[in-house]
Full PDB file with SEQRES, HELIX, SHEET, SSBOND, CRYST1, ORIGX, SCALE, CONECT and MASTER records, all heavy atoms in Angstrom:
SEQRES   1 A   30  VAL LEU LEU VAL ARG PRO THR GLY GLU GLY GLN PHE THR          
SEQRES   2 A   30  THR VAL ASN GLU HIS GLY GLY GLY LEU ALA TRP PHE GLY          
SEQRES   3 A   30  ASP TYR LEU TYR                                              
SHEET    1 AA1 2 VAL A   4  GLY A   8  0                                        
SHEET    2 AA1 2 GLN A  11  THR A  14 -1                                        
SHEET    1 AA2 2 TRP A  24  PHE A  25  0                                        
SHEET    2 AA2 2 TYR A  28  LEU A  29 -1                                        
CRYST1    1.000    1.000    1.000  90.00  90.00  90.00 P 1           1          
ORIGX1      1.000000  0.000000  0.000000        0.00000                         
ORIGX2      0.000000  1.000000  0.000000        0.00000                         
ORIGX3      0.000000  0.000000  1.000000        0.00000                         
SCALE1      1.000000  0.000000  0.000000        0.00000                         
SCALE2      0.000000  1.000000  0.000000        0.00000                         
SCALE3      0.000000  0.000000  1.000000        0.00000                         
ATOM      1  N   VAL A   1       0.864  -1.180   0.000  1.00  0.00           N  
ATOM      2  CA  VAL A   1       0.000   0.000   0.000  1.00  0.00           C  
ATOM      3  C   VAL A   1       0.902   1.232   0.000  1.00  0.00           C  
ATOM      4  O   VAL A   1       1.877   1.297   0.761  1.00  0.00           O  
ATOM      5  CB  VAL A   1      -0.907   0.001   1.251  1.00  0.00           C  
ATOM      6  CG1 VAL A   1      -1.770   1.250   1.290  1.00  0.00           C  
ATOM      7  CG2 VAL A   1      -1.769  -1.262   1.281  1.00  0.00           C  
ATOM      8  N   LEU A   2       0.602   2.218  -0.826  1.00  0.00           N  
ATOM      9  CA  LEU A   2       1.439   3.410  -0.899  1.00  0.00           C  
ATOM     10  C   LEU A   2       1.003   4.423   0.158  1.00  0.00           C  
ATOM     11  O   LEU A   2      -0.191   4.716   0.308  1.00  0.00           O  
ATOM     12  CB  LEU A   2       1.345   4.047  -2.289  1.00  0.00           C  
ATOM     13  CG  LEU A   2       2.398   5.128  -2.582  1.00  0.00           C  
ATOM     14  CD1 LEU A   2       3.791   4.514  -2.697  1.00  0.00           C  
ATOM     15  CD2 LEU A   2       2.042   5.896  -3.857  1.00  0.00           C  
ATOM     16  N   LEU A   3       1.962   4.972   0.898  1.00  0.00           N  
ATOM     17  CA  LEU A   3       1.671   6.035   1.847  1.00  0.00           C  
ATOM     18  C   LEU A   3       1.541   7.363   1.098  1.00  0.00           C  
ATOM     19  O   LEU A   3       2.337   7.657   0.198  1.00  0.00           O  
ATOM     20  CB  LEU A   3       2.781   6.159   2.889  1.00  0.00           C  
ATOM     21  CG  LEU A   3       3.038   4.945   3.783  1.00  0.00           C  
ATOM     22  CD1 LEU A   3       4.040   5.302   4.879  1.00  0.00           C  
ATOM     23  CD2 LEU A   3       1.751   4.415   4.405  1.00  0.00           C  
ATOM     24  N   VAL A   4       0.529   8.149   1.475  1.00  0.00           N  
ATOM     25  CA  VAL A   4       0.313   9.441   0.826  1.00  0.00           C  
ATOM     26  C   VAL A   4       0.011  10.509   1.875  1.00  0.00           C  
ATOM     27  O   VAL A   4      -0.387  10.202   2.999  1.00  0.00           O  
ATOM     28  CB  VAL A   4      -0.835   9.404  -0.207  1.00  0.00           C  
ATOM     29  CG1 VAL A   4      -0.508   8.432  -1.334  1.00  0.00           C  
ATOM     30  CG2 VAL A   4      -2.160   9.047   0.457  1.00  0.00           C  
ATOM     31  N   ARG A   5       0.173  11.748   1.479  1.00  0.00           N  
ATOM     32  CA  ARG A   5      -0.112  12.902   2.341  1.00  0.00           C  
ATOM     33  C   ARG A   5      -1.115  13.807   1.634  1.00  0.00           C  
ATOM     34  O   ARG A   5      -0.835  14.331   0.554  1.00  0.00           O  
ATOM     35  CB  ARG A   5       1.178  13.670   2.635  1.00  0.00           C  
ATOM     36  CG  ARG A   5       0.982  14.939   3.451  1.00  0.00           C  
ATOM     37  CD  ARG A   5       2.324  15.591   3.755  1.00  0.00           C  
ATOM     38  NE  ARG A   5       3.068  15.930   2.550  1.00  0.00           N  
ATOM     39  CZ  ARG A   5       2.913  17.047   1.838  1.00  0.00           C  
ATOM     40  NH1 ARG A   5       1.985  17.944   2.196  1.00  0.00           N  
ATOM     41  NH2 ARG A   5       3.668  17.283   0.769  1.00  0.00           N  
ATOM     42  N   PRO A   6      -2.322  13.988   2.216  1.00  0.00           N  
ATOM     43  CA  PRO A   6      -3.291  14.911   1.611  1.00  0.00           C  
ATOM     44  C   PRO A   6      -2.734  16.330   1.545  1.00  0.00           C  
ATOM     45  O   PRO A   6      -2.106  16.811   2.503  1.00  0.00           O  
ATOM     46  CB  PRO A   6      -4.488  14.837   2.569  1.00  0.00           C  
ATOM     47  CG  PRO A   6      -4.343  13.520   3.279  1.00  0.00           C  
ATOM     48  CD  PRO A   6      -2.859  13.314   3.414  1.00  0.00           C  
ATOM     49  N   THR A   7      -2.942  16.998   0.417  1.00  0.00           N  
ATOM     50  CA  THR A   7      -2.433  18.365   0.235  1.00  0.00           C  
ATOM     51  C   THR A   7      -3.548  19.370  -0.009  1.00  0.00           C  
ATOM     52  O   THR A   7      -3.292  20.578  -0.083  1.00  0.00           O  
ATOM     53  CB  THR A   7      -1.456  18.419  -0.954  1.00  0.00           C  
ATOM     54  OG1 THR A   7      -2.121  17.945  -2.135  1.00  0.00           O  
ATOM     55  CG2 THR A   7      -0.231  17.564  -0.687  1.00  0.00           C  
ATOM     56  N   GLY A   8      -4.779  18.918  -0.135  1.00  0.00           N  
ATOM     57  CA  GLY A   8      -5.922  19.772  -0.391  1.00  0.00           C  
ATOM     58  C   GLY A   8      -7.126  18.900  -0.658  1.00  0.00           C  
ATOM     59  O   GLY A   8      -7.041  17.660  -0.608  1.00  0.00           O  
ATOM     60  N   GLU A   9      -8.246  19.518  -0.968  1.00  0.00           N  
ATOM     61  CA  GLU A   9      -9.472  18.745  -1.204  1.00  0.00           C  
ATOM     62  C   GLU A   9      -9.292  17.845  -2.431  1.00  0.00           C  
ATOM     63  O   GLU A   9      -9.079  18.322  -3.543  1.00  0.00           O  
ATOM     64  CB  GLU A   9     -10.653  19.670  -1.398  1.00  0.00           C  
ATOM     65  CG  GLU A   9     -11.966  18.920  -1.531  1.00  0.00           C  
ATOM     66  CD  GLU A   9     -13.171  19.845  -1.659  1.00  0.00           C  
ATOM     67  OE1 GLU A   9     -12.959  21.084  -1.671  1.00  0.00           O  
ATOM     68  OE2 GLU A   9     -14.295  19.338  -1.756  1.00  0.00           O  
ATOM     69  N   GLY A  10      -9.360  16.519  -2.192  1.00  0.00           N  
ATOM     70  CA  GLY A  10      -9.231  15.574  -3.287  1.00  0.00           C  
ATOM     71  C   GLY A  10      -7.832  15.468  -3.848  1.00  0.00           C  
ATOM     72  O   GLY A  10      -7.650  14.902  -4.934  1.00  0.00           O  
ATOM     73  N   GLN A  11      -6.840  15.967  -3.127  1.00  0.00           N  
ATOM     74  CA  GLN A  11      -5.469  15.955  -3.619  1.00  0.00           C  
ATOM     75  C   GLN A  11      -4.544  15.294  -2.597  1.00  0.00           C  
ATOM     76  O   GLN A  11      -4.712  15.458  -1.389  1.00  0.00           O  
ATOM     77  CB  GLN A  11      -4.977  17.381  -3.883  1.00  0.00           C  
ATOM     78  CG  GLN A  11      -5.782  18.146  -4.916  1.00  0.00           C  
ATOM     79  CD  GLN A  11      -5.556  17.642  -6.328  1.00  0.00           C  
ATOM     80  OE1 GLN A  11      -4.610  16.905  -6.594  1.00  0.00           O  
ATOM     81  NE2 GLN A  11      -6.428  18.039  -7.249  1.00  0.00           N  
ATOM     82  N   PHE A  12      -3.567  14.552  -3.104  1.00  0.00           N  
ATOM     83  CA  PHE A  12      -2.553  13.966  -2.221  1.00  0.00           C  
ATOM     84  C   PHE A  12      -1.264  13.761  -3.004  1.00  0.00           C  
ATOM     85  O   PHE A  12      -1.258  13.771  -4.236  1.00  0.00           O  
ATOM     86  CB  PHE A  12      -3.031  12.640  -1.604  1.00  0.00           C  
ATOM     87  CG  PHE A  12      -3.442  11.583  -2.600  1.00  0.00           C  
ATOM     88  CD1 PHE A  12      -2.485  10.812  -3.265  1.00  0.00           C  
ATOM     89  CD2 PHE A  12      -4.787  11.335  -2.864  1.00  0.00           C  
ATOM     90  CE1 PHE A  12      -2.854   9.831  -4.175  1.00  0.00           C  
ATOM     91  CE2 PHE A  12      -5.165  10.351  -3.774  1.00  0.00           C  
ATOM     92  CZ  PHE A  12      -4.206   9.595  -4.426  1.00  0.00           C  
ATOM     93  N   THR A  13      -0.185  13.570  -2.266  1.00  0.00           N  
ATOM     94  CA  THR A  13       1.107  13.308  -2.879  1.00  0.00           C  
ATOM     95  C   THR A  13       1.824  12.233  -2.074  1.00  0.00           C  
ATOM     96  O   THR A  13       1.299  11.738  -1.075  1.00  0.00           O  
ATOM     97  CB  THR A  13       1.952  14.600  -2.944  1.00  0.00           C  
ATOM     98  OG1 THR A  13       3.128  14.354  -3.715  1.00  0.00           O  
ATOM     99  CG2 THR A  13       2.353  15.067  -1.547  1.00  0.00           C  
ATOM    100  N   THR A  14       3.017  11.863  -2.501  1.00  0.00           N  
ATOM    101  CA  THR A  14       3.768  10.814  -1.814  1.00  0.00           C  
ATOM    102  C   THR A  14       4.393  11.336  -0.527  1.00  0.00           C  
ATOM    103  O   THR A  14       4.481  12.542  -0.293  1.00  0.00           O  
ATOM    104  CB  THR A  14       4.879  10.260  -2.724  1.00  0.00           C  
ATOM    105  OG1 THR A  14       5.675  11.348  -3.206  1.00  0.00           O  
ATOM    106  CG2 THR A  14       4.288   9.495  -3.891  1.00  0.00           C  
ATOM    107  N   VAL A  15       4.854  10.413   0.322  1.00  0.00           N  
ATOM    108  CA  VAL A  15       5.530  10.748   1.576  1.00  0.00           C  
ATOM    109  C   VAL A  15       7.006  10.421   1.366  1.00  0.00           C  
ATOM    110  O   VAL A  15       7.434   9.277   1.500  1.00  0.00           O  
ATOM    111  CB  VAL A  15       4.948   9.951   2.754  1.00  0.00           C  
ATOM    112  CG1 VAL A  15       5.691  10.262   4.041  1.00  0.00           C  
ATOM    113  CG2 VAL A  15       3.456  10.261   2.907  1.00  0.00           C  
ATOM    114  N   ASN A  16       7.775  11.430   1.033  1.00  0.00           N  
ATOM    115  CA  ASN A  16       9.160  11.209   0.619  1.00  0.00           C  
ATOM    116  C   ASN A  16      10.095  11.192   1.824  1.00  0.00           C  
ATOM    117  O   ASN A  16      10.841  12.139   2.087  1.00  0.00           O  
ATOM    118  CB  ASN A  16       9.579  12.272  -0.389  1.00  0.00           C  
ATOM    119  CG  ASN A  16       8.731  12.230  -1.651  1.00  0.00           C  
ATOM    120  OD1 ASN A  16       8.248  11.174  -2.035  1.00  0.00           O  
ATOM    121  ND2 ASN A  16       8.532  13.363  -2.266  1.00  0.00           N  
ATOM    122  N   GLU A  17      10.038  10.092   2.551  1.00  0.00           N  
ATOM    123  CA  GLU A  17      10.856   9.890   3.745  1.00  0.00           C  
ATOM    124  C   GLU A  17      11.548   8.533   3.646  1.00  0.00           C  
ATOM    125  O   GLU A  17      11.264   7.730   2.752  1.00  0.00           O  
ATOM    126  CB  GLU A  17       9.991   9.949   5.006  1.00  0.00           C  
ATOM    127  CG  GLU A  17       9.406  11.323   5.292  1.00  0.00           C  
ATOM    128  CD  GLU A  17      10.448  12.357   5.650  1.00  0.00           C  
ATOM    129  OE1 GLU A  17      11.548  11.967   6.089  1.00  0.00           O  
ATOM    130  OE2 GLU A  17      10.159  13.567   5.497  1.00  0.00           O  
ATOM    131  N   HIS A  18      12.416   8.257   4.605  1.00  0.00           N  
ATOM    132  CA  HIS A  18      13.150   6.996   4.625  1.00  0.00           C  
ATOM    133  C   HIS A  18      12.299   5.841   5.133  1.00  0.00           C  
ATOM    134  O   HIS A  18      12.555   4.682   4.801  1.00  0.00           O  
ATOM    135  CB  HIS A  18      14.403   7.143   5.499  1.00  0.00           C  
ATOM    136  CG  HIS A  18      15.322   5.970   5.441  1.00  0.00           C  
ATOM    137  ND1 HIS A  18      16.027   5.624   4.306  1.00  0.00           N  
ATOM    138  CD2 HIS A  18      15.644   5.042   6.381  1.00  0.00           C  
ATOM    139  CE1 HIS A  18      16.751   4.545   4.540  1.00  0.00           C  
ATOM    140  NE2 HIS A  18      16.544   4.166   5.785  1.00  0.00           N  
ATOM    141  N   GLY A  19      11.288   6.152   5.936  1.00  0.00           N  
ATOM    142  CA  GLY A  19      10.424   5.091   6.462  1.00  0.00           C  
ATOM    143  C   GLY A  19      11.164   4.137   7.372  1.00  0.00           C  
ATOM    144  O   GLY A  19      10.883   2.934   7.378  1.00  0.00           O  
ATOM    145  N   GLY A  20      12.099   4.652   8.171  1.00  0.00           N  
ATOM    146  CA  GLY A  20      12.994   3.787   8.939  1.00  0.00           C  
ATOM    147  C   GLY A  20      12.375   3.037  10.089  1.00  0.00           C  
ATOM    148  O   GLY A  20      13.002   2.123  10.622  1.00  0.00           O  
ATOM    149  N   GLY A  21      11.158   3.403  10.524  1.00  0.00           N  
ATOM    150  CA  GLY A  21      10.573   2.699  11.658  1.00  0.00           C  
ATOM    151  C   GLY A  21       9.076   2.884  11.721  1.00  0.00           C  
ATOM    152  O   GLY A  21       8.541   3.909  11.274  1.00  0.00           O  
ATOM    153  N   LEU A  22       8.383   1.870  12.284  1.00  0.00           N  
ATOM    154  CA  LEU A  22       6.930   1.882  12.436  1.00  0.00           C  
ATOM    155  C   LEU A  22       6.552   1.494  13.854  1.00  0.00           C  
ATOM    156  O   LEU A  22       7.263   0.734  14.514  1.00  0.00           O  
ATOM    157  CB  LEU A  22       6.274   0.890  11.468  1.00  0.00           C  
ATOM    158  CG  LEU A  22       6.480   1.066   9.968  1.00  0.00           C  
ATOM    159  CD1 LEU A  22       5.819  -0.093   9.226  1.00  0.00           C  
ATOM    160  CD2 LEU A  22       5.911   2.403   9.485  1.00  0.00           C  
ATOM    161  N   ALA A  23       5.392   1.998  14.307  1.00  0.00           N  
ATOM    162  CA  ALA A  23       4.797   1.565  15.573  1.00  0.00           C  
ATOM    163  C   ALA A  23       3.279   1.679  15.428  1.00  0.00           C  
ATOM    164  O   ALA A  23       2.766   2.733  15.042  1.00  0.00           O  
ATOM    165  CB  ALA A  23       5.288   2.410  16.738  1.00  0.00           C  
ATOM    166  N   TRP A  24       2.553   0.607  15.754  1.00  0.00           N  
ATOM    167  CA  TRP A  24       1.113   0.530  15.523  1.00  0.00           C  
ATOM    168  C   TRP A  24       0.390   0.550  16.856  1.00  0.00           C  
ATOM    169  O   TRP A  24       0.579  -0.319  17.705  1.00  0.00           O  
ATOM    170  CB  TRP A  24       0.831  -0.754  14.743  1.00  0.00           C  
ATOM    171  CG  TRP A  24      -0.601  -1.071  14.466  1.00  0.00           C  
ATOM    172  CD1 TRP A  24      -1.711  -0.341  14.733  1.00  0.00           C  
ATOM    173  CD2 TRP A  24      -1.070  -2.265  13.821  1.00  0.00           C  
ATOM    174  NE1 TRP A  24      -2.838  -0.990  14.309  1.00  0.00           N  
ATOM    175  CE2 TRP A  24      -2.474  -2.167  13.739  1.00  0.00           C  
ATOM    176  CE3 TRP A  24      -0.433  -3.400  13.312  1.00  0.00           C  
ATOM    177  CZ2 TRP A  24      -3.257  -3.187  13.178  1.00  0.00           C  
ATOM    178  CZ3 TRP A  24      -1.200  -4.406  12.758  1.00  0.00           C  
ATOM    179  CH2 TRP A  24      -2.596  -4.300  12.686  1.00  0.00           C  
ATOM    180  N   PHE A  25      -0.463   1.586  17.037  1.00  0.00           N  
ATOM    181  CA  PHE A  25      -1.294   1.712  18.232  1.00  0.00           C  
ATOM    182  C   PHE A  25      -2.735   1.985  17.802  1.00  0.00           C  
ATOM    183  O   PHE A  25      -3.005   2.988  17.135  1.00  0.00           O  
ATOM    184  CB  PHE A  25      -0.819   2.857  19.131  1.00  0.00           C  
ATOM    185  CG  PHE A  25       0.436   2.552  19.899  1.00  0.00           C  
ATOM    186  CD1 PHE A  25       1.677   2.852  19.364  1.00  0.00           C  
ATOM    187  CD2 PHE A  25       0.377   1.974  21.153  1.00  0.00           C  
ATOM    188  CE1 PHE A  25       2.843   2.587  20.073  1.00  0.00           C  
ATOM    189  CE2 PHE A  25       1.530   1.698  21.867  1.00  0.00           C  
ATOM    190  CZ  PHE A  25       2.771   1.996  21.330  1.00  0.00           C  
ATOM    191  N   GLY A  26      -3.666   1.104  18.179  1.00  0.00           N  
ATOM    192  CA  GLY A  26      -5.061   1.300  17.804  1.00  0.00           C  
ATOM    193  C   GLY A  26      -5.208   1.346  16.299  1.00  0.00           C  
ATOM    194  O   GLY A  26      -4.778   0.435  15.588  1.00  0.00           O  
ATOM    195  N   ASP A  27      -5.816   2.418  15.794  1.00  0.00           N  
ATOM    196  CA  ASP A  27      -5.977   2.585  14.345  1.00  0.00           C  
ATOM    197  C   ASP A  27      -4.858   3.412  13.731  1.00  0.00           C  
ATOM    198  O   ASP A  27      -4.885   3.702  12.537  1.00  0.00           O  
ATOM    199  CB  ASP A  27      -7.322   3.263  14.040  1.00  0.00           C  
ATOM    200  CG  ASP A  27      -8.504   2.383  14.400  1.00  0.00           C  
ATOM    201  OD1 ASP A  27      -8.474   1.190  14.058  1.00  0.00           O  
ATOM    202  OD2 ASP A  27      -9.446   2.895  15.033  1.00  0.00           O  
ATOM    203  N   TYR A  28      -3.883   3.810  14.546  1.00  0.00           N  
ATOM    204  CA  TYR A  28      -2.833   4.698  14.052  1.00  0.00           C  
ATOM    205  C   TYR A  28      -1.507   3.972  13.831  1.00  0.00           C  
ATOM    206  O   TYR A  28      -1.052   3.201  14.679  1.00  0.00           O  
ATOM    207  CB  TYR A  28      -2.608   5.853  15.025  1.00  0.00           C  
ATOM    208  CG  TYR A  28      -3.790   6.776  15.136  1.00  0.00           C  
ATOM    209  CD1 TYR A  28      -4.272   7.164  16.374  1.00  0.00           C  
ATOM    210  CD2 TYR A  28      -4.437   7.266  14.000  1.00  0.00           C  
ATOM    211  CE1 TYR A  28      -5.363   8.020  16.488  1.00  0.00           C  
ATOM    212  CE2 TYR A  28      -5.523   8.110  14.095  1.00  0.00           C  
ATOM    213  CZ  TYR A  28      -5.986   8.486  15.339  1.00  0.00           C  
ATOM    214  OH  TYR A  28      -7.070   9.336  15.439  1.00  0.00           O  
ATOM    215  N   LEU A  29      -0.916   4.264  12.686  1.00  0.00           N  
ATOM    216  CA  LEU A  29       0.407   3.762  12.353  1.00  0.00           C  
ATOM    217  C   LEU A  29       1.370   4.937  12.404  1.00  0.00           C  
ATOM    218  O   LEU A  29       1.243   5.892  11.627  1.00  0.00           O  
ATOM    219  CB  LEU A  29       0.407   3.136  10.957  1.00  0.00           C  
ATOM    220  CG  LEU A  29       1.752   2.584  10.466  1.00  0.00           C  
ATOM    221  CD1 LEU A  29       2.196   1.416  11.335  1.00  0.00           C  
ATOM    222  CD2 LEU A  29       1.662   2.166   9.004  1.00  0.00           C  
ATOM    223  N   TYR A  30       2.328   4.880  13.336  1.00  0.00           N  
ATOM    224  CA  TYR A  30       3.347   5.909  13.453  1.00  0.00           C  
ATOM    225  C   TYR A  30       4.556   5.529  12.590  1.00  0.00           C  
ATOM    226  O   TYR A  30       4.963   4.370  12.571  1.00  0.00           O  
ATOM    227  CB  TYR A  30       3.799   6.058  14.907  1.00  0.00           C  
ATOM    228  CG  TYR A  30       2.756   6.650  15.823  1.00  0.00           C  
ATOM    229  CD1 TYR A  30       1.729   5.861  16.344  1.00  0.00           C  
ATOM    230  CD2 TYR A  30       2.789   7.995  16.160  1.00  0.00           C  
ATOM    231  CE1 TYR A  30       0.764   6.406  17.186  1.00  0.00           C  
ATOM    232  CE2 TYR A  30       1.828   8.549  17.002  1.00  0.00           C  
ATOM    233  CZ  TYR A  30       0.818   7.744  17.513  1.00  0.00           C  
ATOM    234  OH  TYR A  30      -0.132   8.291  18.345  1.00  0.00           O  
TER     235      TYR A  30                                                      
MASTER        0    0    0    0    4    0    0    6  234    1    0    3          
END                                                                             
């Protein structure tokens, strides 16, 4: 699944980071 960042109504772009770590709590993925 591709991570995206909303930039406006009906608009999004990619998340240009290293993605070096994850932590999952409830419905949220850090």
